[in-house]
Amino acid sequence: MNVLRSFNSSTRHILRQPIVSRNTIRAIMTKTEEEWRAILSPEQFRVLRERGTEIPNTGEYTNTPASDVGIYECVGCGQPLYKASTKFIAHCGWPAFYDAIPGSIKVYRDDSLGRLREEMRCSNCDGHLGHIFKGEGYSTPTDTRHCVNSVSIKFNPEDSESK
């Protein structure tokens, strides 16, 4: 018997979502609006939970160069998202990375603002991170720019990239 058939169509998709964590399996994080407001700053809440965008060139990590050590993590749940070595300066007004840690983000179609884009969210807490742009001619291994809001991430210099 197919176990998924016992669930209705509105809940079946939840069971197919990837569950990602650093060393152990854990459920996708869910919190109420009040719980999110209690742990996030107003700007973090606006960006992560309401799909906002921070003002260009104002973020803490916009001009931070790549590093051989460290991990950028989701500020909402602490999930590792990007190796510091994948960061590059794109002069776009936001931090840029050319690749995410496998399984750390989910990508959604975003046709707001009158154009088609790829929105990325943390795969653990579903927090909005930014957008993905492809084929812009950057000299990176993927020619892909993950344009990330600084308020969505935090840098952990102690975390090893070998994880």
N, C-alpha and C. Protein backbone atom coordinates (compact mmCIF):
# COMPACT_ATOMS: atom_id res chain seq x y z
N MET A 1 0.84 -1.19 0.00
CA MET A 1 0.00 0.00 0.00
C MET A 1 0.88 1.25 0.00
N ASN A 2 0.51 2.21 -0.79
CA ASN A 2 1.24 3.47 -0.85
C ASN A 2 0.81 4.33 0.33
N VAL A 3 1.75 4.61 1.23
CA VAL A 3 1.45 5.38 2.44
C VAL A 3 0.95 6.77 2.10
N LEU A 4 1.49 7.39 1.04
CA LEU A 4 1.08 8.74 0.68
C LEU A 4 -0.40 8.83 0.31
N ARG A 5 -0.98 7.74 -0.17
CA ARG A 5 -2.40 7.78 -0.55
C ARG A 5 -3.31 7.98 0.65
N SER A 6 -2.84 7.65 1.84
CA SER A 6 -3.68 7.80 3.03
C SER A 6 -3.79 9.26 3.48
N PHE A 7 -3.04 10.16 2.87
CA PHE A 7 -3.10 11.58 3.19
C PHE A 7 -3.83 12.30 2.06
N ASN A 8 -4.55 13.38 2.42
CA ASN A 8 -5.24 14.14 1.37
C ASN A 8 -4.23 14.97 0.59
N SER A 9 -4.66 15.49 -0.53
CA SER A 9 -3.74 16.19 -1.43
C SER A 9 -3.14 17.44 -0.82
N SER A 10 -3.81 18.05 0.15
CA SER A 10 -3.26 19.27 0.74
C SER A 10 -2.13 18.98 1.72
N THR A 11 -2.03 17.77 2.24
CA THR A 11 -0.94 17.44 3.16
C THR A 11 0.11 16.52 2.53
N ARG A 12 -0.21 15.89 1.44
CA ARG A 12 0.70 14.94 0.80
C ARG A 12 2.02 15.60 0.40
N HIS A 13 1.96 16.86 -0.08
CA HIS A 13 3.19 17.54 -0.52
C HIS A 13 4.18 17.76 0.62
N ILE A 14 3.68 17.90 1.85
CA ILE A 14 4.56 18.12 3.00
C ILE A 14 5.47 16.91 3.20
N LEU A 15 4.92 15.72 3.00
CA LEU A 15 5.71 14.51 3.21
C LEU A 15 6.79 14.33 2.16
N ARG A 16 6.67 14.99 1.04
CA ARG A 16 7.66 14.88 -0.02
C ARG A 16 8.76 15.92 0.09
N GLN A 17 8.64 16.86 1.01
CA GLN A 17 9.64 17.91 1.16
C GLN A 17 10.93 17.34 1.75
N PRO A 18 12.08 17.82 1.31
CA PRO A 18 13.33 17.33 1.89
C PRO A 18 13.47 17.80 3.33
N ILE A 19 13.99 16.95 4.16
CA ILE A 19 14.26 17.31 5.55
C ILE A 19 15.78 17.37 5.68
N VAL A 20 16.28 18.54 6.05
CA VAL A 20 17.72 18.78 6.02
C VAL A 20 18.18 19.23 7.39
N SER A 21 19.30 18.73 7.81
CA SER A 21 19.95 19.24 9.01
C SER A 21 21.43 18.94 8.90
N ARG A 22 22.19 19.46 9.82
CA ARG A 22 23.64 19.29 9.78
C ARG A 22 24.03 17.85 10.07
N ASN A 23 23.63 17.29 11.20
CA ASN A 23 24.06 15.95 11.57
C ASN A 23 22.92 14.99 11.88
N THR A 24 21.73 15.50 12.08
CA THR A 24 20.61 14.64 12.42
C THR A 24 19.40 15.03 11.60
N ILE A 25 18.46 14.12 11.51
CA ILE A 25 17.22 14.42 10.80
C ILE A 25 16.31 15.16 11.77
N ARG A 26 15.69 16.23 11.29
CA ARG A 26 14.75 16.97 12.13
C ARG A 26 13.59 17.43 11.25
N ALA A 27 12.48 17.70 11.87
CA ALA A 27 11.30 18.13 11.12
C ALA A 27 11.47 19.56 10.63
N ILE A 28 10.75 19.91 9.58
CA ILE A 28 10.77 21.28 9.09
C ILE A 28 10.23 22.18 10.19
N MET A 29 10.95 23.25 10.48
CA MET A 29 10.62 24.14 11.58
C MET A 29 9.36 24.95 11.29
N THR A 30 8.44 24.96 12.23
CA THR A 30 7.25 25.80 12.12
C THR A 30 7.09 26.59 13.40
N LYS A 31 6.76 27.85 13.25
CA LYS A 31 6.52 28.73 14.39
C LYS A 31 5.34 29.62 14.05
N THR A 32 4.69 30.14 15.07
CA THR A 32 3.62 31.10 14.86
C THR A 32 4.23 32.45 14.53
N GLU A 33 3.41 33.36 14.03
CA GLU A 33 3.89 34.72 13.74
C GLU A 33 4.45 35.36 15.00
N GLU A 34 3.79 35.17 16.13
CA GLU A 34 4.25 35.76 17.39
C GLU A 34 5.61 35.19 17.80
N GLU A 35 5.80 33.88 17.62
CA GLU A 35 7.09 33.28 17.95
C GLU A 35 8.20 33.82 17.06
N TRP A 36 7.92 33.99 15.76
CA TRP A 36 8.93 34.56 14.86
C TRP A 36 9.25 36.00 15.26
N ARG A 37 8.23 36.78 15.58
CA ARG A 37 8.46 38.18 15.97
C ARG A 37 9.31 38.28 17.25
N ALA A 38 9.18 37.28 18.12
CA ALA A 38 9.94 37.29 19.38
C ALA A 38 11.42 37.01 19.17
N ILE A 39 11.77 36.28 18.11
CA ILE A 39 13.19 35.92 17.92
C ILE A 39 13.88 36.71 16.81
N LEU A 40 13.11 37.38 15.96
CA LEU A 40 13.70 38.14 14.86
C LEU A 40 13.53 39.64 15.09
N SER A 41 14.46 40.42 14.57
CA SER A 41 14.30 41.88 14.59
C SER A 41 13.16 42.23 13.62
N PRO A 42 12.60 43.44 13.71
CA PRO A 42 11.55 43.82 12.76
C PRO A 42 11.99 43.69 11.30
N GLU A 43 13.23 44.07 10.99
CA GLU A 43 13.72 43.97 9.61
C GLU A 43 13.91 42.51 9.19
N GLN A 44 14.43 41.69 10.09
CA GLN A 44 14.57 40.26 9.79
C GLN A 44 13.20 39.63 9.54
N PHE A 45 12.21 39.99 10.36
CA PHE A 45 10.86 39.45 10.18
C PHE A 45 10.30 39.88 8.82
N ARG A 46 10.46 41.14 8.48
CA ARG A 46 9.93 41.65 7.21
C ARG A 46 10.53 40.89 6.02
N VAL A 47 11.82 40.63 6.06
CA VAL A 47 12.48 39.95 4.95
C VAL A 47 12.21 38.44 4.98
N LEU A 48 12.49 37.79 6.10
CA LEU A 48 12.36 36.33 6.18
C LEU A 48 10.92 35.84 6.09
N ARG A 49 10.00 36.50 6.79
CA ARG A 49 8.64 35.97 6.90
C ARG A 49 7.67 36.64 5.93
N GLU A 50 7.97 37.88 5.49
CA GLU A 50 7.06 38.59 4.59
C GLU A 50 7.64 38.75 3.18
N ARG A 51 8.74 38.07 2.90
CA ARG A 51 9.38 38.07 1.58
C ARG A 51 9.83 39.47 1.15
N GLY A 52 10.33 40.23 2.08
CA GLY A 52 10.81 41.58 1.78
C GLY A 52 12.23 41.56 1.23
N THR A 53 12.73 42.75 0.91
CA THR A 53 14.10 42.93 0.44
C THR A 53 14.71 44.10 1.19
N GLU A 54 15.93 43.90 1.68
CA GLU A 54 16.60 45.00 2.37
C GLU A 54 17.08 46.03 1.36
N ILE A 55 17.30 47.23 1.82
CA ILE A 55 17.77 48.32 0.96
C ILE A 55 19.16 47.95 0.43
N PRO A 56 19.41 48.13 -0.87
CA PRO A 56 20.72 47.78 -1.45
C PRO A 56 21.87 48.49 -0.74
N ASN A 57 22.99 47.80 -0.65
CA ASN A 57 24.25 48.32 -0.10
C ASN A 57 24.16 48.71 1.37
N THR A 58 23.20 48.17 2.10
CA THR A 58 23.09 48.46 3.53
C THR A 58 23.40 47.24 4.39
N GLY A 59 23.49 46.06 3.80
CA GLY A 59 23.66 44.83 4.55
C GLY A 59 25.07 44.61 5.07
N GLU A 60 25.16 43.93 6.18
CA GLU A 60 26.43 43.66 6.84
C GLU A 60 27.41 42.88 5.96
N TYR A 61 26.90 41.97 5.13
CA TYR A 61 27.78 41.08 4.37
C TYR A 61 27.91 41.44 2.90
N THR A 62 27.39 42.59 2.49
CA THR A 62 27.39 42.95 1.07
C THR A 62 28.79 42.93 0.46
N ASN A 63 29.76 43.50 1.12
CA ASN A 63 31.11 43.60 0.55
C ASN A 63 32.13 42.73 1.27
N THR A 64 31.66 41.75 2.02
CA THR A 64 32.56 40.82 2.69
C THR A 64 33.15 39.87 1.66
N PRO A 65 34.47 39.75 1.59
CA PRO A 65 35.06 38.86 0.57
C PRO A 65 34.87 37.38 0.94
N ALA A 66 35.15 36.52 -0.02
CA ALA A 66 35.12 35.08 0.22
C ALA A 66 36.19 34.72 1.25
N SER A 67 35.99 33.60 1.90
CA SER A 67 36.93 33.12 2.90
C SER A 67 37.09 31.61 2.75
N ASP A 68 38.23 31.09 3.16
CA ASP A 68 38.44 29.65 3.09
C ASP A 68 37.73 28.90 4.20
N VAL A 69 37.35 29.61 5.25
CA VAL A 69 36.68 28.95 6.38
C VAL A 69 35.39 29.69 6.72
N GLY A 70 34.48 28.96 7.30
CA GLY A 70 33.24 29.55 7.77
C GLY A 70 32.05 29.17 6.91
N ILE A 71 30.89 29.37 7.52
CA ILE A 71 29.61 29.03 6.90
C ILE A 71 28.64 30.18 7.16
N TYR A 72 27.85 30.52 6.16
CA TYR A 72 26.74 31.45 6.34
C TYR A 72 25.50 30.62 6.65
N GLU A 73 24.83 30.97 7.75
CA GLU A 73 23.68 30.21 8.23
C GLU A 73 22.42 31.05 8.17
N CYS A 74 21.28 30.39 8.16
CA CYS A 74 19.99 31.07 8.22
C CYS A 74 19.86 31.73 9.59
N VAL A 75 19.51 33.00 9.62
CA VAL A 75 19.38 33.72 10.88
C VAL A 75 18.13 33.26 11.64
N GLY A 76 17.17 32.68 10.93
CA GLY A 76 15.94 32.23 11.58
C GLY A 76 16.08 30.92 12.31
N CYS A 77 16.87 29.99 11.77
CA CYS A 77 16.94 28.65 12.37
C CYS A 77 18.35 28.11 12.54
N GLY A 78 19.36 28.77 11.99
CA GLY A 78 20.74 28.32 12.14
C GLY A 78 21.18 27.28 11.14
N GLN A 79 20.34 26.96 10.17
CA GLN A 79 20.73 25.95 9.18
C GLN A 79 21.88 26.47 8.31
N PRO A 80 22.94 25.69 8.10
CA PRO A 80 24.01 26.08 7.19
C PRO A 80 23.47 26.22 5.76
N LEU A 81 23.78 27.35 5.11
CA LEU A 81 23.27 27.63 3.77
C LEU A 81 24.37 27.72 2.72
N TYR A 82 25.44 28.45 3.04
CA TYR A 82 26.50 28.72 2.06
C TYR A 82 27.88 28.56 2.69
N LYS A 83 28.77 27.92 1.98
CA LYS A 83 30.18 27.91 2.38
C LYS A 83 30.74 29.29 2.09
N ALA A 84 31.57 29.80 2.99
CA ALA A 84 32.16 31.13 2.80
C ALA A 84 32.99 31.21 1.52
N SER A 85 33.51 30.09 1.08
CA SER A 85 34.33 30.08 -0.14
C SER A 85 33.51 30.28 -1.41
N THR A 86 32.17 30.19 -1.33
CA THR A 86 31.33 30.39 -2.51
C THR A 86 30.82 31.82 -2.63
N LYS A 87 31.25 32.69 -1.72
CA LYS A 87 30.83 34.09 -1.76
C LYS A 87 31.70 34.86 -2.76
N PHE A 88 31.09 35.81 -3.44
CA PHE A 88 31.87 36.68 -4.32
C PHE A 88 31.25 38.07 -4.32
N ILE A 89 32.04 39.06 -4.70
CA ILE A 89 31.57 40.44 -4.76
C ILE A 89 30.97 40.67 -6.14
N ALA A 90 29.65 40.89 -6.18
CA ALA A 90 28.95 41.05 -7.46
C ALA A 90 28.62 42.51 -7.76
N HIS A 91 28.86 43.40 -6.80
CA HIS A 91 28.54 44.82 -6.98
C HIS A 91 27.07 45.01 -7.35
N CYS A 92 26.20 44.21 -6.72
CA CYS A 92 24.77 44.29 -7.00
C CYS A 92 23.99 44.91 -5.84
N GLY A 93 24.66 45.13 -4.70
CA GLY A 93 23.99 45.72 -3.55
C GLY A 93 23.64 44.73 -2.46
N TRP A 94 23.83 43.44 -2.72
CA TRP A 94 23.52 42.40 -1.75
C TRP A 94 24.63 41.35 -1.77
N PRO A 95 24.77 40.56 -0.71
CA PRO A 95 25.74 39.47 -0.74
C PRO A 95 25.43 38.50 -1.88
N ALA A 96 26.46 37.97 -2.52
CA ALA A 96 26.29 37.04 -3.63
C ALA A 96 27.09 35.77 -3.38
N PHE A 97 26.48 34.66 -3.71
CA PHE A 97 27.11 33.34 -3.61
C PHE A 97 26.85 32.62 -4.93
N TYR A 98 27.77 31.75 -5.34
CA TYR A 98 27.54 31.04 -6.61
C TYR A 98 26.95 29.65 -6.42
N ASP A 99 26.86 29.16 -5.19
CA ASP A 99 26.25 27.85 -4.96
C ASP A 99 25.89 27.70 -3.49
N ALA A 100 24.79 27.00 -3.23
CA ALA A 100 24.35 26.73 -1.86
C ALA A 100 24.82 25.35 -1.42
N ILE A 101 24.84 25.12 -0.13
CA ILE A 101 25.10 23.79 0.40
C ILE A 101 23.95 22.89 -0.05
N PRO A 102 24.24 21.72 -0.62
CA PRO A 102 23.17 20.87 -1.15
C PRO A 102 22.06 20.60 -0.12
N GLY A 103 20.82 20.79 -0.56
CA GLY A 103 19.65 20.55 0.27
C GLY A 103 19.29 21.67 1.23
N SER A 104 20.06 22.75 1.24
CA SER A 104 19.83 23.81 2.23
C SER A 104 18.78 24.83 1.82
N ILE A 105 18.51 24.94 0.53
CA ILE A 105 17.51 25.90 0.07
C ILE A 105 16.46 25.21 -0.79
N LYS A 106 15.29 25.84 -0.84
CA LYS A 106 14.23 25.44 -1.76
C LYS A 106 14.04 26.60 -2.72
N VAL A 107 13.73 26.29 -3.97
CA VAL A 107 13.57 27.32 -5.00
C VAL A 107 12.13 27.33 -5.48
N TYR A 108 11.57 28.54 -5.58
CA TYR A 108 10.18 28.72 -6.00
C TYR A 108 10.11 29.72 -7.14
N ARG A 109 9.13 29.55 -7.99
CA ARG A 109 8.86 30.51 -9.07
C ARG A 109 8.30 31.78 -8.43
N ASP A 110 8.82 32.92 -8.84
CA ASP A 110 8.36 34.22 -8.33
C ASP A 110 8.11 35.13 -9.53
N ASP A 111 6.84 35.41 -9.78
CA ASP A 111 6.51 36.29 -10.91
C ASP A 111 6.00 37.65 -10.43
N SER A 112 6.37 38.01 -9.21
CA SER A 112 6.03 39.34 -8.71
C SER A 112 6.89 40.38 -9.42
N LEU A 113 6.54 41.60 -9.31
CA LEU A 113 7.27 42.72 -9.92
C LEU A 113 7.29 42.66 -11.44
N GLY A 114 6.38 41.90 -12.02
CA GLY A 114 6.23 41.86 -13.47
C GLY A 114 7.31 41.11 -14.23
N ARG A 115 8.11 40.30 -13.54
CA ARG A 115 9.12 39.50 -14.24
C ARG A 115 9.28 38.16 -13.51
N LEU A 116 9.75 37.17 -14.24
CA LEU A 116 9.94 35.84 -13.67
C LEU A 116 11.30 35.75 -13.00
N ARG A 117 11.29 35.32 -11.74
CA ARG A 117 12.53 35.13 -10.99
C ARG A 117 12.44 33.81 -10.23
N GLU A 118 13.55 33.39 -9.65
CA GLU A 118 13.57 32.22 -8.79
C GLU A 118 13.82 32.69 -7.36
N GLU A 119 12.83 32.52 -6.51
CA GLU A 119 12.97 32.87 -5.10
C GLU A 119 13.59 31.70 -4.37
N MET A 120 14.48 31.99 -3.43
CA MET A 120 15.04 30.91 -2.61
C MET A 120 14.66 31.12 -1.16
N ARG A 121 14.36 29.99 -0.51
CA ARG A 121 14.00 29.98 0.90
C ARG A 121 14.80 28.90 1.61
N CYS A 122 15.01 29.10 2.90
CA CYS A 122 15.65 28.09 3.74
C CYS A 122 14.78 26.84 3.72
N SER A 123 15.39 25.69 3.49
CA SER A 123 14.61 24.45 3.43
C SER A 123 14.19 23.97 4.81
N ASN A 124 14.72 24.56 5.87
CA ASN A 124 14.36 24.14 7.22
C ASN A 124 13.23 24.98 7.80
N CYS A 125 13.31 26.31 7.69
CA CYS A 125 12.29 27.17 8.31
C CYS A 125 11.45 27.93 7.29
N ASP A 126 11.73 27.76 6.02
CA ASP A 126 11.00 28.40 4.92
C ASP A 126 11.18 29.92 4.90
N GLY A 127 12.24 30.41 5.51
CA GLY A 127 12.52 31.85 5.50
C GLY A 127 13.00 32.31 4.14
N HIS A 128 12.49 33.46 3.69
CA HIS A 128 12.89 34.05 2.41
C HIS A 128 14.34 34.53 2.52
N LEU A 129 15.16 34.12 1.56
CA LEU A 129 16.57 34.50 1.54
C LEU A 129 16.88 35.52 0.47
N GLY A 130 16.26 35.39 -0.69
CA GLY A 130 16.55 36.28 -1.81
C GLY A 130 16.15 35.61 -3.11
N HIS A 131 16.94 35.86 -4.18
CA HIS A 131 16.61 35.33 -5.51
C HIS A 131 17.87 34.80 -6.19
N ILE A 132 17.65 33.92 -7.15
CA ILE A 132 18.73 33.33 -7.94
C ILE A 132 18.67 33.89 -9.35
N PHE A 133 19.82 34.30 -9.86
CA PHE A 133 19.94 34.82 -11.22
C PHE A 133 21.00 34.01 -11.96
N LYS A 134 20.70 33.63 -13.19
CA LYS A 134 21.60 32.77 -13.96
C LYS A 134 22.06 33.45 -15.24
N GLY A 135 23.25 33.08 -15.68
CA GLY A 135 23.75 33.52 -16.98
C GLY A 135 24.08 35.00 -17.07
N GLU A 136 24.55 35.59 -16.00
CA GLU A 136 24.88 37.01 -16.01
C GLU A 136 26.33 37.28 -16.40
N GLY A 137 27.11 36.24 -16.59
CA GLY A 137 28.49 36.41 -17.04
C GLY A 137 29.52 36.55 -15.94
N TYR A 138 29.17 36.23 -14.71
CA TYR A 138 30.17 36.27 -13.63
C TYR A 138 31.16 35.13 -13.83
N SER A 139 32.40 35.38 -13.50
CA SER A 139 33.43 34.35 -13.67
C SER A 139 33.50 33.46 -12.43
N THR A 140 32.40 32.78 -12.18
CA THR A 140 32.30 31.83 -11.07
C THR A 140 32.10 30.44 -11.68
N PRO A 141 32.30 29.39 -10.90
CA PRO A 141 32.14 28.04 -11.45
C PRO A 141 30.75 27.73 -12.00
N THR A 142 29.72 28.44 -11.54
CA THR A 142 28.35 28.13 -11.97
C THR A 142 27.69 29.20 -12.82
N ASP A 143 28.28 30.40 -12.93
CA ASP A 143 27.64 31.55 -13.58
C ASP A 143 26.22 31.75 -13.05
N THR A 144 26.09 31.52 -11.75
CA THR A 144 24.82 31.70 -11.05
C THR A 144 25.07 32.62 -9.87
N ARG A 145 24.15 33.56 -9.65
CA ARG A 145 24.27 34.48 -8.52
C ARG A 145 23.10 34.28 -7.58
N HIS A 146 23.39 33.82 -6.37
CA HIS A 146 22.40 33.76 -5.31
C HIS A 146 22.47 35.11 -4.61
N CYS A 147 21.49 35.94 -4.87
CA CYS A 147 21.43 37.30 -4.33
C CYS A 147 20.68 37.22 -3.00
N VAL A 148 21.41 37.35 -1.88
CA VAL A 148 20.89 37.05 -0.55
C VAL A 148 20.80 38.33 0.28
N ASN A 149 19.70 38.49 0.99
CA ASN A 149 19.57 39.59 1.94
C ASN A 149 20.47 39.33 3.14
N SER A 150 21.31 40.30 3.51
CA SER A 150 22.20 40.14 4.66
C SER A 150 21.44 39.83 5.94
N VAL A 151 20.26 40.42 6.12
CA VAL A 151 19.51 40.19 7.36
C VAL A 151 18.97 38.77 7.45
N SER A 152 19.03 38.01 6.35
CA SER A 152 18.55 36.63 6.36
C SER A 152 19.62 35.63 6.81
N ILE A 153 20.87 36.09 6.88
CA ILE A 153 21.97 35.17 7.17
C ILE A 153 22.84 35.69 8.30
N LYS A 154 23.63 34.78 8.87
CA LYS A 154 24.66 35.15 9.84
C LYS A 154 25.89 34.32 9.52
N PHE A 155 27.05 34.92 9.74
CA PHE A 155 28.31 34.24 9.43
C PHE A 155 28.84 33.54 10.66
N ASN A 156 29.19 32.28 10.50
CA ASN A 156 29.79 31.50 11.58
C ASN A 156 31.22 31.17 11.15
N PRO A 157 32.21 31.94 11.62
CA PRO A 157 33.59 31.71 11.19
C PRO A 157 34.19 30.43 11.75
N GLU A 158 33.60 29.90 12.80
CA GLU A 158 34.14 28.71 13.45
C GLU A 158 33.71 27.42 12.77
N ASP A 159 32.61 27.47 12.01
CA ASP A 159 32.07 26.25 11.40
C ASP A 159 32.98 25.80 10.26
N SER A 160 33.28 24.55 10.22
CA SER A 160 34.15 23.99 9.18
C SER A 160 33.37 23.71 7.92
N GLU A 161 33.97 23.97 6.79
CA GLU A 161 33.33 23.70 5.50
C GLU A 161 33.35 22.22 5.16
N SER A 162 33.99 21.40 5.95
CA SER A 162 34.04 19.97 5.65
C SER A 162 32.78 19.25 6.07
N LYS A 163 31.87 19.96 6.75
CA LYS A 163 30.62 19.32 7.20
C LYS A 163 29.68 19.11 6.07
